Protein backbone atom coordinates (compact mmCIF):
# COMPACT_ATOMS: atom_id res chain seq x y z
CA MET A 1 -7.58 13.93 -5.94
CA SER A 2 -10.02 14.27 -3.00
CA HIS A 3 -10.00 17.43 -0.96
CA THR A 4 -11.80 18.61 2.20
CA ALA A 5 -12.18 22.36 2.92
CA TYR A 6 -10.32 22.87 6.15
CA THR A 7 -9.89 26.20 8.08
CA TYR A 8 -7.03 27.05 10.28
CA ALA A 9 -8.30 29.51 12.87
CA TYR A 10 -5.67 31.50 14.85
CA LEU A 11 -6.18 34.40 17.36
CA ARG A 12 -3.52 36.34 15.54
CA PRO A 13 -0.69 35.60 13.14
CA SER A 14 2.54 33.95 14.48
CA ALA A 15 5.18 36.67 14.86
CA VAL A 16 8.49 37.54 16.58
CA HIS A 17 7.87 40.40 19.06
CA SER A 18 10.58 42.50 20.56
CA THR A 19 10.41 43.23 24.22
CA ALA A 20 12.74 44.97 26.74
CA THR A 21 14.24 41.56 27.84
CA GLY A 22 14.50 40.19 24.31
CA ASP A 23 12.58 38.65 21.36
CA THR A 24 9.55 36.37 21.80
CA LEU A 25 8.63 33.86 19.15
CA SER A 26 4.93 33.42 19.40
CA LEU A 27 3.58 30.39 17.39
CA GLN A 28 -0.12 30.46 17.23
CA THR A 29 -1.95 27.17 17.19
CA SER A 30 -5.16 26.07 15.58
CA GLY A 31 -7.67 23.52 16.72
CA GLY A 32 -5.97 20.29 17.97
CA THR A 33 -6.16 17.27 20.21
CA THR A 34 -4.89 17.00 23.72
CA PRO A 35 -5.26 14.22 26.55
CA ALA A 36 -8.29 16.18 27.60
CA GLY A 37 -9.84 16.03 24.12
CA ARG A 38 -10.31 18.58 21.42
CA ALA A 39 -9.03 22.06 22.18
CA GLY A 40 -9.64 25.33 20.18
CA ARG A 41 -6.03 26.73 20.46
CA PRO A 42 -3.86 24.44 22.67
CA ARG A 43 -0.85 25.81 24.50
CA PHE A 44 2.18 23.39 24.48
CA PHE A 45 5.14 25.26 25.74
CA ALA A 46 6.43 28.61 27.00
CA GLY A 47 10.25 29.12 27.66
CA PHE A 48 13.53 29.95 26.24
CA LEU A 49 15.33 28.22 23.36
CA THR A 50 18.83 27.27 24.27
CA ASN A 51 20.01 27.64 20.66
CA PRO A 52 17.63 30.13 19.14
CA GLN A 53 19.49 30.68 15.81
CA VAL A 54 19.55 26.92 15.19
CA ALA A 55 15.98 26.44 16.15
CA ALA A 56 14.90 29.28 13.93
CA ALA A 57 16.69 27.75 10.91
CA GLY A 58 15.19 24.37 11.67
CA LEU A 59 11.64 25.83 11.71
CA LEU A 60 12.33 27.53 8.41
CA SER A 61 13.53 24.20 6.93
CA VAL A 62 10.19 22.56 7.84
CA ALA A 63 8.38 25.70 6.49
CA ASP A 64 10.44 25.51 3.26
CA THR A 65 9.35 21.88 2.71
CA ALA A 66 5.62 22.76 3.39
CA ALA A 67 5.88 25.50 0.66
CA ALA A 68 7.77 23.38 -1.89
CA ARG A 69 6.49 21.32 -4.78
CA TYR A 70 9.31 19.34 -6.41
CA HIS A 71 6.94 17.59 -8.98
CA ARG A 72 5.27 20.20 -11.24
CA PRO A 73 6.93 22.98 -9.20
CA GLN A 74 4.84 25.78 -10.80
CA ASN A 75 2.17 25.26 -8.15
CA ARG A 76 3.11 26.10 -4.61
CA ALA A 77 1.78 24.45 -1.57
CA SER A 78 0.18 26.34 1.43
CA LEU A 79 -0.22 23.89 4.34
CA ASP A 80 0.78 24.86 7.89
CA PRO A 81 3.17 22.46 9.75
CA VAL A 82 1.92 20.22 12.43
CA VAL A 83 3.31 20.31 16.01
CA THR A 84 3.07 17.54 18.52
CA GLY A 85 4.04 17.93 22.19
CA ASN A 86 5.34 14.63 23.58
CA GLY A 87 6.17 15.50 27.19
CA ASP A 88 9.96 15.93 26.72
CA ARG A 89 10.16 17.38 23.13
CA LEU A 90 8.28 19.31 20.37
CA ARG A 91 7.98 17.70 16.95
CA PHE A 92 7.32 20.06 13.96
CA GLU A 93 6.24 18.10 10.76
CA SER A 94 5.29 18.94 7.14
CA PHE A 95 5.10 17.43 3.73
CA SER A 96 6.01 19.04 0.40
CA GLY A 97 3.07 20.04 -1.81
CA CYS A 98 3.83 17.06 -4.09
CA CYS A 99 3.94 14.68 -0.97
CA GLY A 100 7.30 13.42 -1.94
CA VAL A 101 9.25 14.88 0.94
CA TYR A 102 8.46 14.57 4.71
CA ALA A 103 10.27 16.87 7.08
CA ARG A 104 10.36 16.81 10.78
CA LEU A 105 12.20 18.94 13.39
CA ASP A 106 12.67 17.53 16.87
CA LEU A 107 13.36 20.02 19.62
CA LEU A 108 14.57 17.78 22.32
CA ASP A 109 14.54 18.49 26.07
CA GLU A 110 18.07 20.06 26.00
CA ALA A 111 16.82 22.60 23.43
CA LEU A 112 14.01 23.83 25.61
CA ASP A 113 14.39 25.77 28.86
CA GLY A 114 11.05 26.53 30.40
CA ASP A 115 7.71 24.94 31.31
CA ASP A 116 7.08 21.19 30.93
CA VAL A 117 6.08 20.37 27.41
CA ARG A 118 2.41 19.55 27.31
CA HIS A 119 0.96 16.72 25.25
CA GLY A 120 -1.20 17.17 22.09
CA THR A 121 -1.21 17.85 18.36
CA THR A 122 -2.21 20.86 16.37
CA ASN A 123 -1.21 23.08 13.30
CA VAL A 124 0.91 26.17 13.71
CA ASP A 125 0.62 29.39 11.76
CA VAL A 126 3.84 30.02 9.66
CA ASN A 127 3.51 33.14 7.52
CA ALA A 128 5.87 35.12 5.37
CA PRO A 129 6.55 37.90 7.90
CA LEU A 130 7.31 35.27 10.51
CA ALA A 131 9.80 33.56 8.16
CA ASP A 132 11.55 36.89 7.49
CA ALA A 133 11.85 37.46 11.21
CA LEU A 134 13.18 33.98 11.93
CA GLY A 135 15.78 34.56 9.32
CA ARG A 136 17.15 37.53 11.19
CA VAL A 137 17.60 35.72 14.51
CA GLY A 138 21.35 35.96 15.42
CA PRO A 139 23.53 33.70 17.35
CA GLY A 140 23.47 35.83 20.49
CA ASP A 141 19.87 36.77 20.38
CA PRO A 142 17.77 35.36 23.27
CA LEU A 143 14.48 33.97 21.97
CA TYR A 144 11.48 33.04 24.13
CA LEU A 145 9.23 30.47 22.60
CA GLU A 146 5.47 30.37 23.10
CA VAL A 147 3.66 27.41 21.35
CA GLY A 148 0.08 28.38 21.67
CA PRO A 149 -1.59 31.75 22.73
CA ASP A 150 -1.00 33.31 26.14
CA GLU A 151 -3.63 32.16 28.59
CA LEU A 152 -4.79 35.66 29.43
CA ALA A 153 -5.12 36.52 25.61
CA VAL A 154 -7.52 33.57 25.19
CA THR A 155 -9.90 34.99 27.86
CA THR A 156 -9.65 38.69 26.86
CA PHE A 157 -9.26 38.69 23.15
CA ASP A 158 -12.45 40.15 21.42
CA GLY A 159 -11.40 40.63 17.80
CA PRO A 160 -11.93 38.32 14.87
CA VAL A 161 -9.61 35.29 14.53
CA VAL A 162 -7.19 35.01 11.70
CA GLU A 163 -8.39 32.25 9.33
CA LYS A 164 -6.54 30.51 6.61
CA LYS A 165 -8.80 28.32 4.37
CA VAL A 166 -6.80 25.76 2.50
CA PRO A 167 -7.61 22.48 0.77
CA LEU A 168 -6.54 19.57 2.91
CA PRO A 169 -5.91 16.71 0.51
CA ASP A 170 -6.39 13.15 1.49
CA ARG A 171 -2.92 12.29 0.05
CA TRP A 172 -1.48 14.33 2.96
CA LEU A 173 -3.03 11.96 5.44
CA ARG A 174 -2.02 8.87 3.43
CA GLY A 175 1.44 10.37 3.26
CA PHE A 176 1.72 10.46 7.13
CA ALA A 177 0.38 6.90 7.12
CA GLU A 178 2.91 5.55 4.44
CA THR A 179 5.98 7.25 5.82
CA GLN A 180 5.67 5.49 9.21
CA VAL A 181 5.37 2.13 7.58
CA ILE A 182 8.31 2.78 5.14
CA ALA A 183 10.61 4.39 7.77
CA SER A 184 10.00 1.48 10.19
CA GLY A 185 11.88 -0.74 7.66
CA PHE A 186 14.95 1.49 7.66
CA ASP A 187 18.35 0.86 9.37
CA LEU A 188 21.18 3.26 9.84
CA ARG A 189 23.41 3.05 6.76
CA ALA A 190 25.99 5.78 7.17
CA GLU A 191 27.00 8.37 9.69
CA LEU A 192 29.26 11.39 8.68
CA ALA A 193 30.98 13.93 10.95
CA ALA A 194 29.91 17.56 10.54
CA ALA A 195 32.65 18.65 8.13
CA ASP A 196 32.35 15.65 5.89
CA ALA A 197 28.58 15.91 5.87
CA VAL A 198 28.65 19.58 4.81
CA ARG A 199 31.11 18.86 2.12
CA PHE A 200 29.05 16.04 0.73
CA LEU A 201 25.66 17.82 0.87
CA ARG A 202 27.16 21.07 -0.75
CA SER A 203 28.63 18.87 -3.59
CA LEU A 204 25.18 17.65 -4.66
CA PRO A 205 23.37 19.16 -7.74
CA ARG A 206 21.65 22.35 -7.02
CA PRO A 207 17.88 23.09 -7.89
CA ASN A 208 17.48 24.43 -11.35
CA ALA A 209 14.11 26.07 -12.05
CA ALA A 210 14.74 26.06 -15.83
CA ARG A 211 15.81 22.30 -15.84
CA GLY A 212 13.07 21.26 -13.36
CA ALA A 213 13.35 18.24 -11.05
CA SER A 214 16.05 15.72 -11.73
CA ARG A 215 15.14 12.33 -13.32
CA GLY A 216 16.45 9.09 -12.08
CA ALA A 217 18.16 8.53 -8.77
CA LEU A 218 21.70 8.75 -7.40
CA TRP A 219 22.92 6.22 -4.79
CA ALA A 220 25.23 7.27 -1.87
CA VAL A 221 27.85 4.77 -0.99
CA PRO A 222 29.97 4.92 2.17
CA SER A 223 33.57 5.62 1.14
CA GLY A 224 36.09 6.22 4.04
CA ARG A 225 34.84 9.17 6.18
CA THR A 226 32.45 10.42 3.45
CA LEU A 227 30.09 9.25 0.76
CA ARG A 228 30.46 8.87 -2.94
CA THR A 229 27.59 8.87 -5.43
CA THR A 230 26.89 6.27 -8.13
CA ALA A 231 24.19 5.93 -10.73
CA ARG A 232 23.38 2.22 -9.89
CA ALA A 233 22.58 0.57 -6.71
CA VAL A 234 25.27 -1.53 -4.99
CA PRO A 235 25.15 -3.36 -1.67
CA GLY A 236 25.40 -0.89 1.21
CA ALA A 237 24.12 2.08 -0.79
CA VAL A 238 21.46 4.54 0.15
CA CYS A 239 19.08 5.91 -2.52
CA LEU A 240 19.05 9.60 -3.17
CA ALA A 241 16.24 10.26 -5.55
CA GLY A 242 16.16 13.99 -6.50
CA PRO A 243 19.15 15.37 -4.53
CA GLU A 244 17.71 18.79 -5.05
CA ARG A 245 14.98 17.83 -2.61
CA LEU A 246 17.63 18.03 0.26
CA ALA A 247 17.77 21.84 -0.32
CA PRO A 248 15.91 22.66 2.96
CA LEU A 249 18.82 21.23 4.86
CA THR A 250 21.15 24.09 3.59
CA ARG A 251 19.64 26.32 6.28
CA VAL A 252 21.02 24.33 9.08
CA LEU A 253 24.39 22.98 7.68
CA ARG A 254 26.56 25.53 9.43
CA HIS A 255 25.12 24.41 12.80
CA ALA A 256 25.27 20.73 11.96
CA THR A 257 27.16 18.33 14.27
CA GLY A 258 26.79 15.25 12.04
CA LEU A 259 24.61 13.47 9.44
CA ARG A 260 22.99 10.10 9.71
CA ILE A 261 21.41 8.44 6.72
CA HIS A 262 18.86 5.75 6.99
CA GLY A 263 17.29 3.32 4.40
CA PRO A 264 16.36 -0.25 3.60
CA ARG A 265 18.90 -2.89 2.60
CA VAL A 266 19.40 -2.97 -1.14
CA ALA A 267 20.98 -5.41 -3.62
CA ALA A 268 22.94 -4.66 -6.72
CA GLY A 269 20.72 -3.13 -9.42
CA SER A 270 17.90 -2.41 -6.93
CA ALA A 271 15.05 -0.09 -8.09
CA PRO A 272 15.04 3.34 -6.28
CA VAL A 273 13.73 3.34 -2.72
CA ALA A 274 12.89 5.89 -0.03
CA SER A 275 15.54 7.20 2.35
CA ALA A 276 15.85 9.45 5.31
CA TRP A 277 18.50 12.14 5.89
CA GLU A 278 19.00 13.20 9.46
CA VAL A 279 21.02 16.36 10.35
CA LEU A 280 22.17 16.33 14.00
CA LEU A 281 21.92 19.78 15.69
CA PRO A 282 22.62 21.05 19.16
CA GLY A 283 19.69 19.62 21.13
CA MET A 284 17.71 19.00 17.89
CA ARG A 285 17.37 16.75 14.90
CA LEU A 286 16.15 17.65 11.38
CA THR A 287 15.09 14.74 9.22
CA LEU A 288 14.02 14.77 5.59
CA THR A 289 12.49 11.52 4.22
CA LEU A 290 12.54 11.32 0.39
CA SER A 291 10.22 9.26 -1.80
CA PRO A 292 11.76 6.94 -4.42
CA ASP A 293 11.23 9.45 -7.18
CA THR A 294 10.45 13.13 -7.50
CA ALA A 295 7.22 12.37 -9.45
CA ARG A 296 6.24 9.82 -6.77
CA GLY A 297 4.47 10.95 -3.55
CA PHE A 298 4.31 8.91 -0.46
CA SER A 299 0.59 8.82 -0.69
CA GLY A 300 0.53 6.15 -3.34
CA GLU A 301 3.17 3.78 -1.90
CA GLY A 302 0.59 1.23 -0.67
CA GLY A 303 2.48 0.11 2.45
CA VAL A 304 -0.65 0.34 4.69
CA LEU A 305 -2.96 -1.58 2.44
CA ASP A 306 -2.46 -4.98 4.01
CA ALA A 307 -3.40 -3.60 7.45
CA LEU A 308 -6.42 -1.89 5.99
CA ALA A 309 -7.57 -5.01 4.26
CA ALA A 310 -7.22 -7.12 7.34
CA GLU A 311 -10.51 -6.87 9.20
CA ASP A 312 -9.21 -8.57 12.33
CA SER A 313 -6.73 -5.71 12.84
CA THR A 314 -9.63 -3.28 13.59
CA ASP A 315 -10.18 -4.73 17.21
CA ASP A 316 -6.49 -4.82 17.79
CA ALA A 317 -6.20 -1.17 16.77
CA ASP A 318 -9.04 -0.11 19.00
CA LEU A 319 -7.39 -1.89 21.97
CA VAL A 320 -3.88 -0.44 21.41
CA SER A 321 -5.30 3.11 20.90
CA VAL A 322 -6.66 3.07 24.44
CA LEU A 323 -3.04 2.42 25.62
CA LEU A 324 -1.37 5.23 23.77
CA ALA A 325 -0.38 8.03 26.11
CA TRP A 326 1.48 10.70 24.02
CA GLU A 327 4.74 9.15 24.93
CA PRO A 328 7.84 10.37 23.01
CA THR A 329 8.46 6.77 22.02
CA VAL A 330 5.96 4.00 21.83
CA ASP A 331 7.46 0.74 23.18
CA VAL A 332 5.94 -2.29 21.20
CA GLY A 333 7.06 -4.75 23.89
CA ASP A 334 5.21 -2.67 26.61
CA LEU A 335 2.12 -2.42 24.46
CA ALA A 336 2.20 -6.18 23.83
CA ALA A 337 2.54 -6.84 27.56
CA GLN A 338 -0.33 -4.48 28.32
CA SER A 339 -2.77 -5.60 25.61
CA GLY A 340 -1.98 -9.33 25.68
CA LEU A 341 -1.36 -9.16 21.90
CA THR A 342 1.84 -10.46 20.16
CA PRO A 343 4.34 -7.85 19.10
CA GLU A 344 3.48 -8.68 15.48
CA ARG A 345 -0.18 -7.86 16.16
CA VAL A 346 0.77 -4.67 17.97
CA ARG A 347 2.76 -3.51 14.96
CA ALA A 348 -0.11 -4.29 12.64
CA ALA A 349 -2.41 -2.37 14.95
CA LEU A 350 0.00 0.59 14.95
CA THR A 351 0.08 0.53 11.16
CA ARG A 352 -3.70 0.65 11.09
CA LEU A 353 -3.72 3.60 13.69
CA GLY A 354 -1.12 5.32 11.30
CA THR A 355 -3.78 5.46 8.61
CA ALA A 356 -5.62 8.03 10.78
CA GLY A 357 -2.31 9.94 11.40
CA ARG A 358 -2.13 8.72 14.96
CA ILE A 359 1.33 7.16 14.76
CA GLY A 360 4.58 8.37 13.44
CA TYR A 361 8.00 6.72 13.29
CA ASP A 362 11.35 8.23 14.41
CA VAL A 363 14.28 6.72 12.52
CA SER A 364 16.70 8.18 14.97
CA GLU A 365 15.35 6.32 17.82
CA ALA A 366 13.88 3.34 15.79
CA ALA A 367 10.56 3.85 17.55
CA TYR A 368 7.11 4.86 16.97
CA PHE A 369 5.43 7.99 18.51
CA HIS A 370 1.91 9.19 19.13
CA ARG A 371 0.19 12.14 17.55
CA GLU A 372 -3.38 13.11 16.42
CA LEU A 373 -4.46 14.71 13.28
CA PRO A 374 -7.79 16.45 12.38
CA TYR A 375 -8.95 13.43 10.28
CA GLU A 376 -11.91 11.31 10.90
CA THR A 377 -11.46 7.60 11.48
CA GLY A 378 -11.64 5.52 8.30
CA ARG A 379 -11.06 8.47 5.97
CA ALA A 380 -7.78 6.98 4.50
CA GLU A 381 -9.56 3.68 3.94
CA ARG A 382 -12.56 5.28 2.07
CA HIS A 383 -10.39 7.39 -0.05
CA ASN A 384 -7.89 4.76 -1.16
CA PRO A 385 -8.68 3.83 -4.79
CA ARG A 386 -6.81 0.47 -4.76
CA LEU A 387 -8.66 -0.67 -1.64
CA ARG A 388 -12.05 0.56 -2.86
CA ALA A 389 -11.44 -1.40 -6.09
CA ALA A 390 -10.52 -4.56 -4.21
CA ARG A 391 -13.63 -4.45 -2.06
CA ALA A 392 -15.74 -3.90 -5.22
CA LEU A 393 -14.18 -6.97 -6.79
CA VAL A 394 -15.09 -9.02 -3.74
CA GLU A 395 -18.65 -7.74 -3.62
CA ALA A 396 -19.04 -8.60 -7.38
CA GLY A 397 -17.99 -12.15 -6.75
CA SER A 398 -14.91 -11.69 -8.91
CA VAL A 399 -12.62 -13.78 -6.62
CA ARG A 400 -12.65 -17.62 -7.03
CA PHE A 401 -10.67 -20.21 -5.15
CA ASP A 402 -9.75 -23.53 -6.77
CA GLY A 403 -8.48 -25.46 -3.67
CA ASP A 404 -5.72 -23.59 -1.89
CA GLU A 405 -4.35 -21.89 -4.94
CA PRO A 406 -4.32 -20.50 -7.46
CA ALA A 407 -6.99 -17.90 -6.81
CA THR A 408 -8.44 -16.25 -9.85
CA VAL A 409 -9.76 -12.65 -9.96
CA THR A 410 -11.76 -11.79 -13.12
CA VAL A 411 -11.95 -8.13 -14.18
CA ASP A 412 -13.78 -7.05 -17.42
CA GLY A 413 -13.41 -10.69 -18.70
CA ARG A 414 -9.76 -10.90 -17.98
CA VAL A 415 -8.47 -13.44 -15.58
CA HIS A 416 -5.53 -12.78 -13.16
CA ARG A 417 -4.06 -15.48 -11.10
CA VAL A 418 -2.92 -14.82 -7.54
CA ARG A 419 -0.37 -17.27 -6.00
CA SER A 420 1.60 -17.73 -2.88
CA ALA A 421 5.39 -17.74 -3.42
CA GLN A 422 8.16 -17.32 -0.98
CA GLY A 423 5.86 -16.12 1.79
CA ARG A 424 3.95 -13.52 -0.22
CA LEU A 425 1.12 -13.29 -2.73
CA THR A 426 2.02 -12.52 -6.24
CA CYS A 427 -0.23 -11.67 -9.28
CA THR A 428 -0.15 -12.04 -13.00
CA CYS A 429 -1.43 -8.48 -13.63
CA GLN A 430 0.50 -5.49 -15.14
CA TRP A 431 0.83 -3.72 -11.84
CA TRP A 432 2.76 -6.63 -10.26
CA ALA A 433 5.02 -6.95 -13.37
CA GLU A 434 5.83 -3.35 -13.08
CA TYR A 435 6.37 -2.88 -9.41
CA ARG A 436 6.91 -6.39 -8.00
CA GLY A 437 5.28 -5.52 -4.74
CA GLY A 438 7.51 -2.37 -4.35
CA ARG A 439 4.34 -0.12 -4.11
CA GLY A 440 2.25 -2.46 -2.06
CA PRO A 441 -0.19 -5.14 -3.21
CA CYS A 442 -2.34 -4.75 -6.40
CA LYS A 443 -6.08 -4.66 -6.11
CA HIS A 444 -6.27 -8.36 -7.11
CA VAL A 445 -4.04 -9.49 -4.21
CA LEU A 446 -5.99 -7.21 -1.90
CA ALA A 447 -9.32 -8.71 -3.02
CA VAL A 448 -7.97 -12.31 -2.37
CA ARG A 449 -6.82 -11.21 1.14
CA ILE A 450 -10.34 -9.71 1.86
CA ALA A 451 -12.20 -12.73 0.49
CA ARG A 452 -10.02 -15.32 2.32
CA PRO A 453 -8.24 -14.76 5.67
CA LEU A 454 -4.63 -14.89 5.44
CA THR A 455 -2.67 -18.17 6.15
CA PRO A 456 0.72 -17.98 7.92
CA ALA A 457 2.40 -18.54 4.52
CA ASP A 458 0.76 -15.43 3.06
CA HIS A 459 1.43 -13.20 5.99
CA THR A 460 4.96 -11.99 5.06
CA PRO A 461 4.79 -8.16 4.46
CA GLU A 462 5.57 -6.80 0.99
CA PRO A 463 9.13 -5.83 0.74
CA ARG A 464 9.90 -2.12 0.95
């Protein structure tokens, strides 16, 4: 796995400070991006939280995910969450150390009482003393939130900054890229009232350190006002792979006003798929998106490979990127009208921008949103092994076309045939036999797409 040494630099640790008028939650920011460009320690918001205990519990849930590792749990993670200001809300995001769980807390406008929310993305310091303090926030405790250092402190602080040096894996970037592609194929599958949601979630298997992560997947099926679980997929079911990975939701259950579950359409006997579990809170939403297996991180799902392999999407992405404006929701129709591109080309461009961490997807609003992460453009493409292998096959002249089809790709003397069937390309390799496109295209299909521009019949996306 490739890593880059990355340093979070904060003026001081994040903390809860007691004052004569109440407590102040001061979240320190590291270097980030704003509409004015790069900023050392951007300031996004200052004001009161309308439901401080709920917000504190939600922030702890995001931090719990960032510190968790469900696959090979003996190793803990240590990445700081990402915060994005989108004008009317703050979004806090994190991945588990194994990259199989994506968490996001949305503090919506009604949860914030203070300055306008500024635009931009940065990391925020979440440390053990802060977590302890957040755990003590009571229902009647007023809490003033500062996201970013006080302006005066920036100009007068003379001491050393607080630095946290961590390995920033490329799979974290690929995880952000993959989740927005996967989640954009979700629909709302079930909605439970608060009491029913709490009963269902508390009935799920609990984490067991001795037993380790669960194997296989459960499926949640709507049944009256609640859900029942089954071991096999049936129409209308939602996959729940590794139910113990929903553990961070337990911090907010007593504040929940409902539960919404999102996922793709499945058929009887379907293989496990990803799903999103959204807890509704007063003025907030906490969403956990789970990969199809506890041993399967989002970084290897392959949903962005088609966009990366399509060279003609680069110019479209450059055009669309100019039109992004940190809006809380990105309207594909508006972008199409402004850019002159079709909605399909806009979506492909957004997928490509997502590979640089610039696009996320909100299942609650079924809409994309804009963020910026500290990754250089093209990094995800360079560090994707399947794509690198496909380009190497093309450069070696391993792809041959005999008329329209089949195409043949020769690897170490072994011939693989790539055909167009039912609007998508298939392959005779072992990868295709095992995953049937469920983890994106194989390197042979990618090589064919790079070597020959797609025809309309080939342009149907791989099923998620």
